[in-house]
Amino acid sequence: MSSRVGMRRSMLSRLTPRERNLLGLLALVFFIMGGVMLFTMRRARFQESQARISSMRRSLDLVYLQGSAYAERLKEKESRESAISSETLKFASMIEQAQSELEAGELRNEDEKQALPVGDGNLIKRVYSFDLRGVKLEEMLKFLQKVENKPGHIVYTDALNIRSPNDVEDRLNVEVELATWELRRAAEAGEEKPSS
């Protein structure tokens, strides 16, 4: 081992200082060129992967925004919108029809609240409130079931406040808020008809 070290020293000692500097400069240039080559190779790979990613993004955009999947989603949206009735729901007449389920209870304080736009403004939420006085639990449930099962409309109980006037009777006082959604176009057409 000492002979190898001695050989190296003897090789370097035979070189002049200028040759040693040139040899060090050559080693430095070798390392710099190796680093540059590695960076250029990595840059080429990065550009290839970037090109693949951008082509995949373009193809996904075509599929989701212009292809058959996009057309299917548009059809689904149209079918959902068509499921929402285009005619304006008349709460008062609907409640009068459902009132046949009540035997002893009475309806009071009927009031339709201000219509509110929902989401992006294409839908309008309409709320109708009323009180049921002196009604049995079974009658109230039948009444609400008949109201909520109105064909062609989405009607649901938005708020329900049940009170018992006393502990002896099985009759209840109920405050009900019913709500529905309507398309803005249909609601505006319904509002324009009475004015003409």
C-alpha atoms as a PDB file:
ATOM      1  CA  MET A   1       0.000   0.000   0.000  1.00  0.00           C
ATOM      2  CA  SER A   2       2.797   2.360   0.782  1.00  0.00           C
ATOM      3  CA  SER A   3       4.269   1.547  -2.589  1.00  0.00           C
ATOM      4  CA  ARG A   4       1.103   2.772  -4.349  1.00  0.00           C
ATOM      5  CA  VAL A   5       1.108   6.030  -2.407  1.00  0.00           C
ATOM      6  CA  GLY A   6       4.742   6.408  -3.233  1.00  0.00           C
ATOM      7  CA  MET A   7       4.017   5.856  -6.921  1.00  0.00           C
ATOM      8  CA  ARG A   8       1.346   8.530  -6.904  1.00  0.00           C
ATOM      9  CA  ARG A   9       3.622  10.958  -5.154  1.00  0.00           C
ATOM     10  CA  SER A  10       6.376  10.173  -7.568  1.00  0.00           C
ATOM     11  CA  MET A  11       3.993  10.734 -10.536  1.00  0.00           C
ATOM     12  CA  LEU A  12       2.807  14.068  -9.167  1.00  0.00           C
ATOM     13  CA  SER A  13       6.313  15.061  -8.170  1.00  0.00           C
ATOM     14  CA  ARG A  14       7.532  14.480 -11.704  1.00  0.00           C
ATOM     15  CA  LEU A  15       4.922  16.977 -13.036  1.00  0.00           C
ATOM     16  CA  THR A  16       5.618  20.639 -13.171  1.00  0.00           C
ATOM     17  CA  PRO A  17       3.358  23.074 -11.336  1.00  0.00           C
ATOM     18  CA  ARG A  18       1.826  24.144 -14.647  1.00  0.00           C
ATOM     19  CA  GLU A  19       1.007  20.539 -15.575  1.00  0.00           C
ATOM     20  CA  ARG A  20      -0.504  19.972 -12.132  1.00  0.00           C
ATOM     21  CA  ASN A  21      -2.726  23.026 -12.577  1.00  0.00           C
ATOM     22  CA  LEU A  22      -3.765  21.820 -16.035  1.00  0.00           C
ATOM     23  CA  LEU A  23      -4.527  18.368 -14.641  1.00  0.00           C
ATOM     24  CA  GLY A  24      -6.675  19.907 -11.829  1.00  0.00           C
ATOM     25  CA  LEU A  25      -8.416  22.116 -14.386  1.00  0.00           C
ATOM     26  CA  LEU A  26      -9.122  19.054 -16.559  1.00  0.00           C
ATOM     27  CA  ALA A  27     -10.679  17.241 -13.561  1.00  0.00           C
ATOM     28  CA  LEU A  28     -12.752  20.314 -12.750  1.00  0.00           C
ATOM     29  CA  VAL A  29     -13.974  20.570 -16.376  1.00  0.00           C
ATOM     30  CA  PHE A  30     -14.817  16.849 -16.303  1.00  0.00           C
ATOM     31  CA  PHE A  31     -17.017  17.257 -13.200  1.00  0.00           C
ATOM     32  CA  ILE A  32     -18.674  20.399 -14.566  1.00  0.00           C
ATOM     33  CA  MET A  33     -19.445  18.734 -17.909  1.00  0.00           C
ATOM     34  CA  GLY A  34     -20.815  15.668 -16.106  1.00  0.00           C
ATOM     35  CA  GLY A  35     -23.141  17.876 -14.044  1.00  0.00           C
ATOM     36  CA  VAL A  36     -24.295  19.785 -17.126  1.00  0.00           C
ATOM     37  CA  MET A  37     -24.983  16.492 -18.938  1.00  0.00           C
ATOM     38  CA  LEU A  38     -27.036  15.218 -15.989  1.00  0.00           C
ATOM     39  CA  PHE A  39     -29.084  18.432 -15.858  1.00  0.00           C
ATOM     40  CA  THR A  40     -29.748  18.403 -19.616  1.00  0.00           C
ATOM     41  CA  MET A  41     -30.825  14.748 -19.497  1.00  0.00           C
ATOM     42  CA  ARG A  42     -33.148  15.477 -16.566  1.00  0.00           C
ATOM     43  CA  ARG A  43     -34.492  18.526 -18.352  1.00  0.00           C
ATOM     44  CA  ALA A  44     -35.304  16.442 -21.427  1.00  0.00           C
ATOM     45  CA  ARG A  45     -37.101  13.857 -19.265  1.00  0.00           C
ATOM     46  CA  PHE A  46     -38.992  16.613 -17.456  1.00  0.00           C
ATOM     47  CA  GLN A  47     -40.106  18.121 -20.776  1.00  0.00           C
ATOM     48  CA  GLU A  48     -41.283  14.699 -22.010  1.00  0.00           C
ATOM     49  CA  SER A  49     -43.324  14.107 -18.845  1.00  0.00           C
ATOM     50  CA  GLN A  50     -44.698  17.658 -19.042  1.00  0.00           C
ATOM     51  CA  ALA A  51     -45.791  17.037 -22.650  1.00  0.00           C
ATOM     52  CA  ARG A  52     -47.505  13.760 -21.617  1.00  0.00           C
ATOM     53  CA  ILE A  53     -49.313  15.493 -18.735  1.00  0.00           C
ATOM     54  CA  SER A  54     -50.534  18.326 -20.965  1.00  0.00           C
ATOM     55  CA  SER A  55     -51.770  15.870 -23.629  1.00  0.00           C
ATOM     56  CA  MET A  56     -53.637  13.914 -20.931  1.00  0.00           C
ATOM     57  CA  ARG A  57     -55.196  17.151 -19.663  1.00  0.00           C
ATOM     58  CA  ARG A  58     -56.304  18.049 -23.190  1.00  0.00           C
ATOM     59  CA  SER A  59     -57.848  14.613 -23.686  1.00  0.00           C
ATOM     60  CA  LEU A  60     -59.640  14.817 -20.313  1.00  0.00           C
ATOM     61  CA  ASP A  61     -60.968  18.256 -21.230  1.00  0.00           C
ATOM     62  CA  LEU A  62     -62.268  16.836 -24.504  1.00  0.00           C
ATOM     63  CA  VAL A  63     -63.949  13.932 -22.729  1.00  0.00           C
ATOM     64  CA  TYR A  64     -65.524  15.971 -19.925  1.00  0.00           C
ATOM     65  CA  LEU A  65     -66.362  19.164 -21.808  1.00  0.00           C
ATOM     66  CA  GLN A  66     -66.983  18.085 -25.405  1.00  0.00           C
ATOM     67  CA  GLY A  67     -67.300  14.321 -25.636  1.00  0.00           C
ATOM     68  CA  SER A  68     -70.115  11.832 -25.200  1.00  0.00           C
ATOM     69  CA  ALA A  69     -69.768  11.887 -21.405  1.00  0.00           C
ATOM     70  CA  TYR A  70     -70.429  15.625 -21.444  1.00  0.00           C
ATOM     71  CA  ALA A  71     -73.498  15.123 -23.639  1.00  0.00           C
ATOM     72  CA  GLU A  72     -74.786  12.473 -21.203  1.00  0.00           C
ATOM     73  CA  ARG A  73     -74.311  14.833 -18.263  1.00  0.00           C
ATOM     74  CA  LEU A  74     -76.226  17.557 -20.115  1.00  0.00           C
ATOM     75  CA  LYS A  75     -79.089  15.112 -20.734  1.00  0.00           C
ATOM     76  CA  GLU A  76     -79.106  14.141 -17.036  1.00  0.00           C
ATOM     77  CA  LYS A  77     -79.224  17.815 -16.049  1.00  0.00           C
ATOM     78  CA  GLU A  78     -82.127  18.460 -18.429  1.00  0.00           C
ATOM     79  CA  SER A  79     -84.019  15.457 -17.062  1.00  0.00           C
ATOM     80  CA  ARG A  80     -83.469  16.678 -13.475  1.00  0.00           C
ATOM     81  CA  GLU A  81     -84.729  20.137 -14.424  1.00  0.00           C
ATOM     82  CA  SER A  82     -87.736  18.685 -16.205  1.00  0.00           C
ATOM     83  CA  ALA A  83     -88.571  16.686 -13.056  1.00  0.00           C
ATOM     84  CA  ILE A  84     -89.136  20.017 -11.326  1.00  0.00           C
ATOM     85  CA  SER A  85     -92.628  21.035 -12.354  1.00  0.00           C
ATOM     86  CA  SER A  86     -92.963  23.985 -14.696  1.00  0.00           C
ATOM     87  CA  GLU A  87     -96.359  25.015 -13.321  1.00  0.00           C
ATOM     88  CA  THR A  88     -96.645  27.194 -10.240  1.00  0.00           C
ATOM     89  CA  LEU A  89     -97.852  25.294  -7.184  1.00  0.00           C
ATOM     90  CA  LYS A  90    -100.975  26.714  -5.550  1.00  0.00           C
ATOM     91  CA  PHE A  91    -100.435  26.020  -1.854  1.00  0.00           C
ATOM     92  CA  ALA A  92    -103.898  27.123  -0.783  1.00  0.00           C
ATOM     93  CA  SER A  93    -105.757  24.752  -3.112  1.00  0.00           C
ATOM     94  CA  MET A  94    -103.388  21.893  -2.264  1.00  0.00           C
ATOM     95  CA  ILE A  95    -104.004  22.363   1.470  1.00  0.00           C
ATOM     96  CA  GLU A  96    -107.761  22.573   0.931  1.00  0.00           C
ATOM     97  CA  GLN A  97    -107.639  19.198  -0.842  1.00  0.00           C
ATOM     98  CA  ALA A  98    -105.567  17.671   1.958  1.00  0.00           C
ATOM     99  CA  GLN A  99    -107.880  19.136   4.617  1.00  0.00           C
ATOM    100  CA  SER A 100    -110.305  16.268   3.979  1.00  0.00           C
ATOM    101  CA  GLU A 101    -107.944  14.114   6.086  1.00  0.00           C
ATOM    102  CA  LEU A 102    -108.678  16.259   9.145  1.00  0.00           C
ATOM    103  CA  GLU A 103    -111.675  15.199  11.198  1.00  0.00           C
ATOM    104  CA  ALA A 104    -111.637  17.670  14.086  1.00  0.00           C
ATOM    105  CA  GLY A 105    -108.645  19.933  13.562  1.00  0.00           C
ATOM    106  CA  GLU A 106    -108.832  23.373  12.029  1.00  0.00           C
ATOM    107  CA  LEU A 107    -106.461  25.348   9.834  1.00  0.00           C
ATOM    108  CA  ARG A 108    -105.392  28.894  10.799  1.00  0.00           C
ATOM    109  CA  ASN A 109    -102.895  31.635   9.962  1.00  0.00           C
ATOM    110  CA  GLU A 110    -102.152  30.606   6.374  1.00  0.00           C
ATOM    111  CA  ASP A 111     -99.354  32.742   4.931  1.00  0.00           C
ATOM    112  CA  GLU A 112     -97.020  32.488   1.945  1.00  0.00           C
ATOM    113  CA  LYS A 113     -93.564  33.912   2.628  1.00  0.00           C
ATOM    114  CA  GLN A 114     -91.273  35.812   0.283  1.00  0.00           C
ATOM    115  CA  ALA A 115     -89.807  33.614  -2.486  1.00  0.00           C
ATOM    116  CA  LEU A 116     -86.038  33.159  -2.198  1.00  0.00           C
ATOM    117  CA  PRO A 117     -83.613  32.414  -5.072  1.00  0.00           C
ATOM    118  CA  VAL A 118     -81.545  29.274  -4.452  1.00  0.00           C
ATOM    119  CA  GLY A 119     -78.052  28.513  -5.769  1.00  0.00           C
ATOM    120  CA  ASP A 120     -77.214  30.224  -9.042  1.00  0.00           C
ATOM    121  CA  GLY A 121     -80.662  31.805  -9.247  1.00  0.00           C
ATOM    122  CA  ASN A 122     -82.406  29.322 -11.578  1.00  0.00           C
ATOM    123  CA  LEU A 123     -84.442  27.896  -8.700  1.00  0.00           C
ATOM    124  CA  ILE A 124     -86.820  29.700  -6.374  1.00  0.00           C
ATOM    125  CA  LYS A 125     -87.721  28.368  -2.934  1.00  0.00           C
ATOM    126  CA  ARG A 126     -91.290  29.113  -1.914  1.00  0.00           C
ATOM    127  CA  VAL A 127     -92.417  28.662   1.710  1.00  0.00           C
ATOM    128  CA  TYR A 128     -96.010  28.472   2.967  1.00  0.00           C
ATOM    129  CA  SER A 129     -96.807  28.465   6.703  1.00  0.00           C
ATOM    130  CA  PHE A 130     -99.994  27.611   8.592  1.00  0.00           C
ATOM    131  CA  ASP A 131    -101.218  26.334  11.959  1.00  0.00           C
ATOM    132  CA  LEU A 132    -103.181  23.179  12.711  1.00  0.00           C
ATOM    133  CA  ARG A 133    -105.193  23.476  15.949  1.00  0.00           C
ATOM    134  CA  GLY A 134    -106.671  20.607  17.956  1.00  0.00           C
ATOM    135  CA  VAL A 135    -105.503  17.827  15.663  1.00  0.00           C
ATOM    136  CA  LYS A 136    -104.641  14.220  16.549  1.00  0.00           C
ATOM    137  CA  LEU A 137    -101.193  12.848  15.774  1.00  0.00           C
ATOM    138  CA  GLU A 138    -102.491  10.311  13.234  1.00  0.00           C
ATOM    139  CA  GLU A 139    -104.538  12.978  11.439  1.00  0.00           C
ATOM    140  CA  MET A 140    -101.571  15.310  11.306  1.00  0.00           C
ATOM    141  CA  LEU A 141     -99.365  12.573   9.815  1.00  0.00           C
ATOM    142  CA  LYS A 142    -101.980  11.684   7.157  1.00  0.00           C
ATOM    143  CA  PHE A 143    -102.398  15.368   6.323  1.00  0.00           C
ATOM    144  CA  LEU A 144     -98.651  15.946   5.892  1.00  0.00           C
ATOM    145  CA  GLN A 145     -98.270  12.743   3.900  1.00  0.00           C
ATOM    146  CA  LYS A 146    -100.994  13.793   1.485  1.00  0.00           C
ATOM    147  CA  VAL A 147     -99.456  17.257   1.093  1.00  0.00           C
ATOM    148  CA  GLU A 148     -95.922  15.967   0.535  1.00  0.00           C
ATOM    149  CA  ASN A 149     -97.047  13.345  -1.982  1.00  0.00           C
ATOM    150  CA  LYS A 150     -98.461  15.948  -4.370  1.00  0.00           C
ATOM    151  CA  PRO A 151     -97.780  14.476  -7.844  1.00  0.00           C
ATOM    152  CA  GLY A 152     -95.566  16.545 -10.131  1.00  0.00           C
ATOM    153  CA  HIS A 153     -94.167  18.753  -7.358  1.00  0.00           C
ATOM    154  CA  ILE A 154     -91.423  18.507  -4.768  1.00  0.00           C
ATOM    155  CA  VAL A 155     -93.056  19.533  -1.492  1.00  0.00           C
ATOM    156  CA  TYR A 156     -91.453  18.942   1.879  1.00  0.00           C
ATOM    157  CA  THR A 157     -91.982  19.997   5.467  1.00  0.00           C
ATOM    158  CA  ASP A 158     -89.397  22.682   6.117  1.00  0.00           C
ATOM    159  CA  ALA A 159     -90.294  23.334   9.768  1.00  0.00           C
ATOM    160  CA  LEU A 160     -92.589  21.619  12.221  1.00  0.00           C
ATOM    161  CA  ASN A 161     -93.368  22.859  15.738  1.00  0.00           C
ATOM    162  CA  ILE A 162     -95.634  20.599  17.802  1.00  0.00           C
ATOM    163  CA  ARG A 163     -97.199  21.661  21.111  1.00  0.00           C
ATOM    164  CA  SER A 164     -99.700  19.996  23.374  1.00  0.00           C
ATOM    165  CA  PRO A 165    -102.242  22.380  24.962  1.00  0.00           C
ATOM    166  CA  ASN A 166    -102.447  20.239  28.116  1.00  0.00           C
ATOM    167  CA  ASP A 167    -101.380  16.861  29.483  1.00  0.00           C
ATOM    168  CA  VAL A 168    -104.866  15.330  29.504  1.00  0.00           C
ATOM    169  CA  GLU A 169    -105.878  15.666  25.826  1.00  0.00           C
ATOM    170  CA  ASP A 170    -104.296  13.844  22.931  1.00  0.00           C
ATOM    171  CA  ARG A 171    -104.874  16.804  20.597  1.00  0.00           C
ATOM    172  CA  LEU A 172    -101.950  18.882  19.360  1.00  0.00           C
ATOM    173  CA  ASN A 173    -101.322  22.399  18.098  1.00  0.00           C
ATOM    174  CA  VAL A 174     -98.889  22.293  15.171  1.00  0.00           C
ATOM    175  CA  GLU A 175     -97.106  25.078  13.312  1.00  0.00           C
ATOM    176  CA  VAL A 176     -96.089  23.871   9.833  1.00  0.00           C
ATOM    177  CA  GLU A 177     -93.908  25.386   7.127  1.00  0.00           C
ATOM    178  CA  LEU A 178     -94.067  23.707   3.727  1.00  0.00           C
ATOM    179  CA  ALA A 179     -91.509  24.454   1.034  1.00  0.00           C
ATOM    180  CA  THR A 180     -91.077  23.735  -2.661  1.00  0.00           C
ATOM    181  CA  TRP A 181     -88.696  24.652  -5.465  1.00  0.00           C
ATOM    182  CA  GLU A 182     -89.708  26.071  -8.795  1.00  0.00           C
ATOM    183  CA  LEU A 183     -87.756  27.051 -11.881  1.00  0.00           C
ATOM    184  CA  ARG A 184     -87.393  30.810 -12.175  1.00  0.00           C
ATOM    185  CA  ARG A 185     -88.712  30.812 -15.749  1.00  0.00           C
ATOM    186  CA  ALA A 186     -91.946  29.086 -14.706  1.00  0.00           C
ATOM    187  CA  ALA A 187     -92.381  31.303 -11.653  1.00  0.00           C
ATOM    188  CA  GLU A 188     -91.863  34.478 -13.686  1.00  0.00           C
ATOM    189  CA  ALA A 189     -94.330  33.271 -16.338  1.00  0.00           C
ATOM    190  CA  GLY A 190     -96.870  32.544 -13.597  1.00  0.00           C
ATOM    191  CA  GLU A 191     -96.432  36.051 -12.178  1.00  0.00           C
ATOM    192  CA  GLU A 192     -96.818  37.689 -15.597  1.00  0.00           C
ATOM    193  CA  LYS A 193    -100.108  35.945 -16.453  1.00  0.00           C
ATOM    194  CA  PRO A 194    -102.263  37.636 -13.763  1.00  0.00           C
ATOM    195  CA  SER A 195    -100.972  41.105 -14.650  1.00  0.00           C
ATOM    196  CA  SER A 196    -102.142  40.907 -18.290  1.00  0.00           C
END
